[in-house]
PDB file of N, CA and C in Angstrom:
ATOM      1  N   MET A   1       0.761  -1.180  -0.445  1.00  0.00           N
ATOM      2  CA  MET A   1      -0.061   0.290  -0.104  1.00  0.00           C
ATOM      3  C   MET A   1       0.804   1.110   0.164  1.00  0.00           C
ATOM      4  N   GLN A   2       0.661   1.997  -0.807  1.00  0.00           N
ATOM      5  CA  GLN A   2       1.282   3.459  -0.713  1.00  0.00           C
ATOM      6  C   GLN A   2       1.011   4.204   0.320  1.00  0.00           C
ATOM      7  N   THR A   3       2.662   4.918   0.363  1.00  0.00           N
ATOM      8  CA  THR A   3       2.321   5.446   1.782  1.00  0.00           C
ATOM      9  C   THR A   3       1.277   6.955   2.124  1.00  0.00           C
ATOM     10  N   GLN A   4       0.830   7.797   1.005  1.00  0.00           N
ATOM     11  CA  GLN A   4      -0.251   8.144   0.979  1.00  0.00           C
ATOM     12  C   GLN A   4      -1.787   7.455   0.946  1.00  0.00           C
ATOM     13  N   GLY A   5      -1.776   6.829   0.605  1.00  0.00           N
ATOM     14  CA  GLY A   5      -3.047   5.782   1.028  1.00  0.00           C
ATOM     15  C   GLY A   5      -3.059   5.296   2.237  1.00  0.00           C
ATOM     16  N   LEU A   6      -2.110   4.748   2.928  1.00  0.00           N
ATOM     17  CA  LEU A   6      -2.007   4.014   4.133  1.00  0.00           C
ATOM     18  C   LEU A   6      -2.515   5.195   5.086  1.00  0.00           C
ATOM     19  N   GLU A   7      -1.902   6.965   4.860  1.00  0.00           N
ATOM     20  CA  GLU A   7      -2.107   7.906   5.563  1.00  0.00           C
ATOM     21  C   GLU A   7      -3.592   8.243   5.765  1.00  0.00           C
ATOM     22  N   GLN A   8      -4.255   7.798   4.597  1.00  0.00           N
ATOM     23  CA  GLN A   8      -5.420   8.107   4.384  1.00  0.00           C
ATOM     24  C   GLN A   8      -6.290   7.183   5.152  1.00  0.00           C
ATOM     25  N   ASP A   9      -5.958   6.024   5.200  1.00  0.00           N
ATOM     26  CA  ASP A   9      -6.802   5.049   5.630  1.00  0.00           C
ATOM     27  C   ASP A   9      -6.199   5.324   7.543  1.00  0.00           C
ATOM     28  N   PHE A  10      -5.099   5.540   7.803  1.00  0.00           N
ATOM     29  CA  PHE A  10      -4.957   5.734   8.821  1.00  0.00           C
ATOM     30  C   PHE A  10      -5.990   6.919   9.495  1.00  0.00           C
ATOM     31  N   HIS A  11      -5.810   8.269   8.480  1.00  0.00           N
ATOM     32  CA  HIS A  11      -6.808   9.092   9.534  1.00  0.00           C
ATOM     33  C   HIS A  11      -8.503   8.430   9.532  1.00  0.00           C
ATOM     34  N   SER A  12      -9.027   7.515   8.652  1.00  0.00           N
ATOM     35  CA  SER A  12     -10.051   7.116   8.903  1.00  0.00           C
ATOM     36  C   SER A  12     -10.087   6.504  10.203  1.00  0.00           C
ATOM     37  N   GLU A  13      -9.669   5.775  10.340  1.00  0.00           N
ATOM     38  CA  GLU A  13      -8.867   4.892  11.742  1.00  0.00           C
ATOM     39  C   GLU A  13      -9.057   5.674  12.660  1.00  0.00           C
ATOM     40  N   MET A  14      -8.761   7.041  12.488  1.00  0.00           N
ATOM     41  CA  MET A  14      -8.519   7.672  14.322  1.00  0.00           C
ATOM     42  C   MET A  14     -10.139   8.504  14.090  1.00  0.00           C
ATOM     43  N   VAL A  15     -10.469   8.712  13.002  1.00  0.00           N
ATOM     44  CA  VAL A  15     -11.904   9.342  12.726  1.00  0.00           C
ATOM     45  C   VAL A  15     -12.944   8.035  13.752  1.00  0.00           C
ATOM     46  N   THR A  16     -12.256   7.037  13.584  1.00  0.00           N
ATOM     47  CA  THR A  16     -13.383   5.805  14.075  1.00  0.00           C
ATOM     48  C   THR A  16     -12.784   5.436  15.434  1.00  0.00           C
ATOM     49  N   ILE A  17     -11.889   6.346  15.875  1.00  0.00           N
ATOM     50  CA  ILE A  17     -11.789   5.534  17.212  1.00  0.00           C
ATOM     51  C   ILE A  17     -12.663   6.785  18.440  1.00  0.00           C
ATOM     52  N   TYR A  18     -12.563   7.674  17.464  1.00  0.00           N
ATOM     53  CA  TYR A  18     -13.395   9.396  17.813  1.00  0.00           C
ATOM     54  C   TYR A  18     -14.667   8.778  18.155  1.00  0.00           C
ATOM     55  N   THR A  19     -15.082   8.508  16.977  1.00  0.00           N
ATOM     56  CA  THR A  19     -16.612   7.728  16.657  1.00  0.00           C
ATOM     57  C   THR A  19     -17.164   6.697  18.260  1.00  0.00           C
ATOM     58  N   ARG A  20     -16.269   5.686  17.783  1.00  0.00           N
ATOM     59  CA  ARG A  20     -16.372   5.025  19.367  1.00  0.00           C
ATOM     60  C   ARG A  20     -16.348   5.016  20.408  1.00  0.00           C
ATOM     61  N   ALA A  21     -15.353   6.176  20.769  1.00  0.00           N
ATOM     62  CA  ALA A  21     -15.362   6.153  22.199  1.00  0.00           C
ATOM     63  C   ALA A  21     -16.611   7.497  22.724  1.00  0.00           C
ATOM     64  N   LYS A  22     -17.247   7.824  21.237  1.00  0.00           N
ATOM     65  CA  LYS A  22     -18.282   8.674  22.231  1.00  0.00           C
ATOM     66  C   LYS A  22     -19.302   7.803  22.236  1.00  0.00           C
ATOM     67  N   LYS A  23     -19.487   6.440  21.285  1.00  0.00           N
ATOM     68  CA  LYS A  23     -20.683   5.986  21.266  1.00  0.00           C
ATOM     69  C   LYS A  23     -20.547   4.987  22.501  1.00  0.00           C
ATOM     70  N   GLU A  24     -19.279   4.102  22.648  1.00  0.00           N
ATOM     71  CA  GLU A  24     -19.431   3.002  23.305  1.00  0.00           C
ATOM     72  C   GLU A  24     -19.079   3.834  24.892  1.00  0.00           C
ATOM     73  N   CYS A  25     -18.415   5.035  25.117  1.00  0.00           N
ATOM     74  CA  CYS A  25     -17.917   5.688  26.055  1.00  0.00           C
ATOM     75  C   CYS A  25     -18.626   6.610  26.618  1.00  0.00           C
ATOM     76  N   ASP A  26     -19.714   6.933  25.572  1.00  0.00           N
ATOM     77  CA  ASP A  26     -20.222   8.473  25.881  1.00  0.00           C
ATOM     78  C   ASP A  26     -19.168   9.775  25.965  1.00  0.00           C
ATOM     79  N   TYR A  27     -18.028   9.346  25.481  1.00  0.00           N
ATOM     80  CA  TYR A  27     -16.788  10.393  25.641  1.00  0.00           C
ATOM     81  C   TYR A  27     -16.555  11.058  24.599  1.00  0.00           C
ATOM     82  N   ASN A  28     -17.208  12.335  24.528  1.00  0.00           N
ATOM     83  CA  ASN A  28     -16.817  13.340  23.518  1.00  0.00           C
ATOM     84  C   ASN A  28     -15.680  14.119  23.626  1.00  0.00           C
ATOM     85  N   ALA A  29     -14.773  13.651  22.663  1.00  0.00           N
ATOM     86  CA  ALA A  29     -13.599  14.193  22.783  1.00  0.00           C
ATOM     87  C   ALA A  29     -13.114  15.185  21.391  1.00  0.00           C
ATOM     88  N   THR A  30     -13.994  16.526  21.824  1.00  0.00           N
ATOM     89  CA  THR A  30     -14.032  17.761  20.939  1.00  0.00           C
ATOM     90  C   THR A  30     -12.833  18.004  20.070  1.00  0.00           C
ATOM     91  N   ARG A  31     -12.044  18.346  21.274  1.00  0.00           N
ATOM     92  CA  ARG A  31     -10.336  18.848  21.042  1.00  0.00           C
ATOM     93  C   ARG A  31     -10.141  17.860  19.901  1.00  0.00           C
ATOM     94  N   PHE A  32      -9.723  16.419  20.074  1.00  0.00           N
ATOM     95  CA  PHE A  32      -9.429  15.390  19.549  1.00  0.00           C
ATOM     96  C   PHE A  32      -9.818  15.545  18.093  1.00  0.00           C
ATOM     97  N   LEU A  33     -11.057  15.714  17.667  1.00  0.00           N
ATOM     98  CA  LEU A  33     -11.817  15.738  16.431  1.00  0.00           C
ATOM     99  C   LEU A  33     -11.467  17.734  15.789  1.00  0.00           C
ATOM    100  N   GLN A  34     -11.532  18.154  16.688  1.00  0.00           N
ATOM    101  CA  GLN A  34     -10.589  19.765  15.618  1.00  0.00           C
ATOM    102  C   GLN A  34      -9.348  19.280  15.466  1.00  0.00           C
ATOM    103  N   MET A  35      -8.262  18.548  16.363  1.00  0.00           N
ATOM    104  CA  MET A  35      -7.411  18.392  16.087  1.00  0.00           C
ATOM    105  C   MET A  35      -7.061  17.846  14.461  1.00  0.00           C
ATOM    106  N   LEU A  36      -7.766  16.184  14.595  1.00  0.00           N
ATOM    107  CA  LEU A  36      -8.296  15.838  13.098  1.00  0.00           C
ATOM    108  C   LEU A  36      -8.662  16.611  12.080  1.00  0.00           C
ATOM    109  N   SER A  37      -9.447  17.730  12.146  1.00  0.00           N
ATOM    110  CA  SER A  37      -9.840  18.386  11.293  1.00  0.00           C
ATOM    111  C   SER A  37      -9.129  19.257  10.701  1.00  0.00           C
ATOM    112  N   GLU A  38      -8.069  19.921  11.759  1.00  0.00           N
ATOM    113  CA  GLU A  38      -6.963  20.895  11.362  1.00  0.00           C
ATOM    114  C   GLU A  38      -5.733  19.858  10.820  1.00  0.00           C
ATOM    115  N   HIS A  39      -5.351  19.149  11.117  1.00  0.00           N
ATOM    116  CA  HIS A  39      -3.846  18.590  11.192  1.00  0.00           C
ATOM    117  C   HIS A  39      -4.294  16.931  10.553  1.00  0.00           C
ATOM    118  N   GLY A  40      -5.022  16.413  10.507  1.00  0.00           N
ATOM    119  CA  GLY A  40      -5.372  14.913   9.831  1.00  0.00           C
ATOM    120  C   GLY A  40      -4.769  13.912  10.984  1.00  0.00           C
ATOM    121  N   GLY A  41      -5.299  12.898  10.449  1.00  0.00           N
ATOM    122  CA  GLY A  41      -4.807  11.827  11.474  1.00  0.00           C
ATOM    123  C   GLY A  41      -3.146  11.410  11.895  1.00  0.00           C
ATOM    124  N   LEU A  42      -2.510  11.823  10.952  1.00  0.00           N
ATOM    125  CA  LEU A  42      -0.888  11.530  11.118  1.00  0.00           C
ATOM    126  C   LEU A  42      -0.175  12.347  11.900  1.00  0.00           C
ATOM    127  N   GLU A  43      -0.370  13.261  11.699  1.00  0.00           N
ATOM    128  CA  GLU A  43       0.143  14.439  12.514  1.00  0.00           C
ATOM    129  C   GLU A  43      -0.645  14.763  13.963  1.00  0.00           C
ATOM    130  N   THR A  44      -1.689  14.644  13.853  1.00  0.00           N
ATOM    131  CA  THR A  44      -2.572  14.845  15.075  1.00  0.00           C
ATOM    132  C   THR A  44      -2.068  13.570  16.162  1.00  0.00           C
ATOM    133  N   ALA A  45      -1.441  12.208  15.589  1.00  0.00           N
ATOM    134  CA  ALA A  45      -1.249  11.215  16.058  1.00  0.00           C
ATOM    135  C   ALA A  45       0.216  11.472  17.020  1.00  0.00           C
ATOM    136  N   LYS A  46       1.310  12.069  16.026  1.00  0.00           N
ATOM    137  CA  LYS A  46       2.166  12.335  16.330  1.00  0.00           C
ATOM    138  C   LYS A  46       2.175  13.924  17.278  1.00  0.00           C
ATOM    139  N   ARG A  47       1.381  14.871  16.832  1.00  0.00           N
ATOM    140  CA  ARG A  47       1.581  15.832  17.987  1.00  0.00           C
ATOM    141  C   ARG A  47       1.115  15.055  19.374  1.00  0.00           C
ATOM    142  N   LEU A  48       0.222  14.309  19.485  1.00  0.00           N
ATOM    143  CA  LEU A  48       0.134  14.073  20.675  1.00  0.00           C
ATOM    144  C   LEU A  48       0.620  12.873  21.786  1.00  0.00           C
ATOM    145  N   ILE A  49       1.797  11.885  20.905  1.00  0.00           N
ATOM    146  CA  ILE A  49       2.439  11.446  21.264  1.00  0.00           C
ATOM    147  C   ILE A  49       4.099  11.974  21.716  1.00  0.00           C
ATOM    148  N   GLY A  50       3.854  13.258  21.038  1.00  0.00           N
ATOM    149  CA  GLY A  50       5.606  13.999  21.612  1.00  0.00           C
ATOM    150  C   GLY A  50       5.100  15.245  22.340  1.00  0.00           C
ATOM    151  N   ALA A  51       3.541  15.034  23.010  1.00  0.00           N
ATOM    152  CA  ALA A  51       3.318  16.532  23.836  1.00  0.00           C
ATOM    153  C   ALA A  51       4.208  15.537  25.171  1.00  0.00           C
ATOM    154  N   ASP A  52       4.303  16.736  25.908  1.00  0.00           N
ATOM    155  CA  ASP A  52       5.282  16.416  27.530  1.00  0.00           C
ATOM    156  C   ASP A  52       4.166  15.378  28.264  1.00  0.00           C
ATOM    157  N   ASN A  53       2.711  15.621  28.270  1.00  0.00           N
ATOM    158  CA  ASN A  53       2.043  14.948  29.248  1.00  0.00           C
ATOM    159  C   ASN A  53       1.125  14.354  28.472  1.00  0.00           C
ATOM    160  N   VAL A  54       0.345  13.567  29.039  1.00  0.00           N
ATOM    161  CA  VAL A  54      -0.727  12.621  28.522  1.00  0.00           C
ATOM    162  C   VAL A  54      -1.613  13.156  28.354  1.00  0.00           C
ATOM    163  N   SER A  55      -2.338  13.028  27.116  1.00  0.00           N
ATOM    164  CA  SER A  55      -3.741  13.600  27.057  1.00  0.00           C
ATOM    165  C   SER A  55      -4.910  13.269  28.250  1.00  0.00           C
ATOM    166  N   ASP A  56      -5.886  14.218  27.823  1.00  0.00           N
ATOM    167  CA  ASP A  56      -6.905  14.051  28.730  1.00  0.00           C
ATOM    168  C   ASP A  56      -7.950  12.912  28.162  1.00  0.00           C
ATOM    169  N   GLY A  57      -7.700  12.786  26.624  1.00  0.00           N
ATOM    170  CA  GLY A  57      -8.597  11.669  25.874  1.00  0.00           C
ATOM    171  C   GLY A  57      -7.793  10.487  26.720  1.00  0.00           C
ATOM    172  N   TYR A  58      -6.493   9.853  26.896  1.00  0.00           N
ATOM    173  CA  TYR A  58      -5.779   8.871  27.296  1.00  0.00           C
ATOM    174  C   TYR A  58      -6.412   8.627  28.940  1.00  0.00           C
ATOM    175  N   THR A  59      -6.406   9.968  29.193  1.00  0.00           N
ATOM    176  CA  THR A  59      -6.822   9.250  30.894  1.00  0.00           C
ATOM    177  C   THR A  59      -8.222   8.945  30.669  1.00  0.00           C
ATOM    178  N   ALA A  60      -8.816  10.028  29.917  1.00  0.00           N
ATOM    179  CA  ALA A  60     -10.476   9.398  30.237  1.00  0.00           C
ATOM    180  C   ALA A  60     -10.898   7.725  29.645  1.00  0.00           C
ATOM    181  N   LEU A  61      -9.921   7.731  28.690  1.00  0.00           N
ATOM    182  CA  LEU A  61     -10.445   6.336  28.176  1.00  0.00           C
ATOM    183  C   LEU A  61      -9.399   4.734  29.121  1.00  0.00           C
ATOM    184  N   TRP A  62      -8.611   5.542  29.664  1.00  0.00           N
ATOM    185  CA  TRP A  62      -8.067   4.527  31.223  1.00  0.00           C
ATOM    186  C   TRP A  62      -9.071   4.480  31.719  1.00  0.00           C
ATOM    187  N   GLU A  63      -9.616   5.728  32.480  1.00  0.00           N
ATOM    188  CA  GLU A  63     -10.745   5.711  33.421  1.00  0.00           C
ATOM    189  C   GLU A  63     -11.923   4.436  33.051  1.00  0.00           C
ATOM    190  N   PHE A  64     -12.228   4.587  31.628  1.00  0.00           N
ATOM    191  CA  PHE A  64     -13.300   4.033  31.162  1.00  0.00           C
ATOM    192  C   PHE A  64     -12.929   2.359  30.921  1.00  0.00           C
ATOM    193  N   LYS A  65     -11.472   2.112  31.040  1.00  0.00           N
ATOM    194  CA  LYS A  65     -10.972   0.886  30.973  1.00  0.00           C
ATOM    195  C   LYS A  65     -10.910   0.623  29.205  1.00  0.00           C
ATOM    196  N   ARG A  66     -10.617   0.882  28.660  1.00  0.00           N
ATOM    197  CA  ARG A  66     -10.815   1.544  26.955  1.00  0.00           C
ATOM    198  C   ARG A  66      -9.845   2.007  26.297  1.00  0.00           C
ATOM    199  N   LEU A  67      -8.582   1.259  27.066  1.00  0.00           N
ATOM    200  CA  LEU A  67      -6.992   2.048  26.300  1.00  0.00           C
ATOM    201  C   LEU A  67      -7.160   1.458  24.482  1.00  0.00           C
ATOM    202  N   ASP A  68      -8.233   0.616  24.295  1.00  0.00           N
ATOM    203  CA  ASP A  68      -7.990  -0.074  23.094  1.00  0.00           C
ATOM    204  C   ASP A  68      -8.548   1.193  21.881  1.00  0.00           C
ATOM    205  N   LEU A  69      -9.249   1.893  22.514  1.00  0.00           N
ATOM    206  CA  LEU A  69      -9.421   3.134  21.751  1.00  0.00           C
ATOM    207  C   LEU A  69      -8.492   4.241  21.577  1.00  0.00           C
ATOM    208  N   THR A  70      -7.610   4.397  22.101  1.00  0.00           N
ATOM    209  CA  THR A  70      -6.463   5.281  22.462  1.00  0.00           C
ATOM    210  C   THR A  70      -5.693   5.692  21.128  1.00  0.00           C
ATOM    211  N   VAL A  71      -4.926   6.552  20.723  1.00  0.00           N
ATOM    212  CA  VAL A  71      -4.407   7.123  19.788  1.00  0.00           C
ATOM    213  C   VAL A  71      -3.093   5.399  19.981  1.00  0.00           C
ATOM    214  N   GLU A  72      -2.726   5.992  21.211  1.00  0.00           N
ATOM    215  CA  GLU A  72      -1.037   4.983  21.132  1.00  0.00           C
ATOM    216  C   GLU A  72      -1.520   3.795  20.834  1.00  0.00           C
ATOM    217  N   ALA A  73      -2.718   2.902  21.084  1.00  0.00           N
ATOM    218  CA  ALA A  73      -2.898   1.469  20.816  1.00  0.00           C
ATOM    219  C   ALA A  73      -3.090   1.272  19.016  1.00  0.00           C
ATOM    220  N   LEU A  74      -3.464   2.709  18.549  1.00  0.00           N
ATOM    221  CA  LEU A  74      -3.815   2.679  17.016  1.00  0.00           C
ATOM    222  C   LEU A  74      -2.633   2.372  16.335  1.00  0.00           C
ATOM    223  N   ILE A  75      -1.659   2.955  17.088  1.00  0.00           N
ATOM    224  CA  ILE A  75      -0.394   3.799  16.441  1.00  0.00           C
ATOM    225  C   ILE A  75       0.658   1.898  16.506  1.00  0.00           C
ATOM    226  N   LEU A  76       0.394   1.178  17.535  1.00  0.00           N
ATOM    227  CA  LEU A  76       0.857   0.055  17.514  1.00  0.00           C
ATOM    228  C   LEU A  76       0.430  -0.909  16.749  1.00  0.00           C
ATOM    229  N   ARG A  77      -1.137  -0.678  16.276  1.00  0.00           N
ATOM    230  CA  ARG A  77      -1.238  -1.997  14.874  1.00  0.00           C
ATOM    231  C   ARG A  77      -0.435  -1.929  14.106  1.00  0.00           C
ATOM    232  N   GLN A  78      -0.587  -3.001  13.351  1.00  0.00           N
ATOM    233  CA  GLN A  78      -0.102  -3.221  11.894  1.00  0.00           C
ATOM    234  C   GLN A  78      -1.576  -3.006  11.011  1.00  0.00           C
ATOM    235  N   PRO A  79      -1.566  -2.184   9.917  1.00  0.00           N
ATOM    236  CA  PRO A  79      -0.195  -1.793   9.241  1.00  0.00           C
ATOM    237  C   PRO A  79       0.239  -0.023   9.735  1.00  0.00           C
ATOM    238  N   TRP A  80      -0.493   0.386  10.717  1.00  0.00           N
ATOM    239  CA  TRP A  80      -0.362   1.481  10.842  1.00  0.00           C
ATOM    240  C   TRP A  80       0.955   2.000  11.363  1.00  0.00           C
ATOM    241  N   ASN A  81       1.631   0.953  12.600  1.00  0.00           N
ATOM    242  CA  ASN A  81       3.202   1.038  13.076  1.00  0.00           C
ATOM    243  C   ASN A  81       4.529   1.927  11.872  1.00  0.00           C
ATOM    244  N   GLY A  82       3.826   0.915  10.518  1.00  0.00           N
ATOM    245  CA  GLY A  82       4.799   1.852  10.109  1.00  0.00           C
ATOM    246  C   GLY A  82       4.895   3.251   9.005  1.00  0.00           C
ATOM    247  N   LEU A  83       4.102   3.608   9.572  1.00  0.00           N
ATOM    248  CA  LEU A  83       3.681   5.552   9.343  1.00  0.00           C
ATOM    249  C   LEU A  83       4.991   6.404  10.533  1.00  0.00           C
ATOM    250  N   PHE A  84       5.052   5.536  11.845  1.00  0.00           N
ATOM    251  CA  PHE A  84       6.037   5.740  12.797  1.00  0.00           C
ATOM    252  C   PHE A  84       7.234   5.279  13.367  1.00  0.00           C
ATOM    253  N   SER A  85       8.403   6.029  13.514  1.00  0.00           N
ATOM    254  CA  SER A  85       9.624   6.071  13.932  1.00  0.00           C
ATOM    255  C   SER A  85       9.923   4.863  15.130  1.00  0.00           C
ATOM    256  N   ALA A  86      10.837   4.441  15.204  1.00  0.00           N
ATOM    257  CA  ALA A  86      11.017   3.717  16.491  1.00  0.00           C
ATOM    258  C   ALA A  86      10.876   4.450  17.624  1.00  0.00           C
ATOM    259  N   GLU A  87      10.979   5.607  17.994  1.00  0.00           N
ATOM    260  CA  GLU A  87      10.970   6.184  18.956  1.00  0.00           C
ATOM    261  C   GLU A  87       9.760   6.285  19.303  1.00  0.00           C
ATOM    262  N   GLU A  88       9.056   7.019  18.327  1.00  0.00           N
ATOM    263  CA  GLU A  88       7.185   7.196  18.096  1.00  0.00           C
ATOM    264  C   GLU A  88       6.516   5.602  18.598  1.00  0.00           C
ATOM    265  N   LEU A  89       7.206   4.763  18.007  1.00  0.00           N
ATOM    266  CA  LEU A  89       6.429   3.393  18.572  1.00  0.00           C
ATOM    267  C   LEU A  89       6.646   3.010  19.926  1.00  0.00           C
ATOM    268  N   GLU A  90       7.998   3.532  20.326  1.00  0.00           N
ATOM    269  CA  GLU A  90       8.203   3.490  21.746  1.00  0.00           C
ATOM    270  C   GLU A  90       7.530   4.120  23.035  1.00  0.00           C
ATOM    271  N   ILE A  91       7.222   5.329  22.912  1.00  0.00           N
ATOM    272  CA  ILE A  91       6.620   6.441  23.498  1.00  0.00           C
ATOM    273  C   ILE A  91       5.325   5.895  23.586  1.00  0.00           C
ATOM    274  N   ALA A  92       4.604   5.052  22.054  1.00  0.00           N
ATOM    275  CA  ALA A  92       3.257   4.709  22.531  1.00  0.00           C
ATOM    276  C   ALA A  92       3.176   3.699  23.168  1.00  0.00           C
TER     277      ALA A  92
END
């Protein structure tokens, strides 16, 4: 799969985890959705894992016991992990 197509598919998966968190946990990650709209899925993921602090979304999903819906979990899955450096994968 070409990188551009993979990035577009990753963006779609990022939207999916937002939708699932809202539906399954009643968690409305407004800032996350705004970041997706402004920066796209890949850049949003890189910004979140590169931040100095754990995101509010990660904390909320941890409280819901739904770490499977975090950006970090998505980053570590095939084929998305190919979009990230070894350092980014370690952080995730």
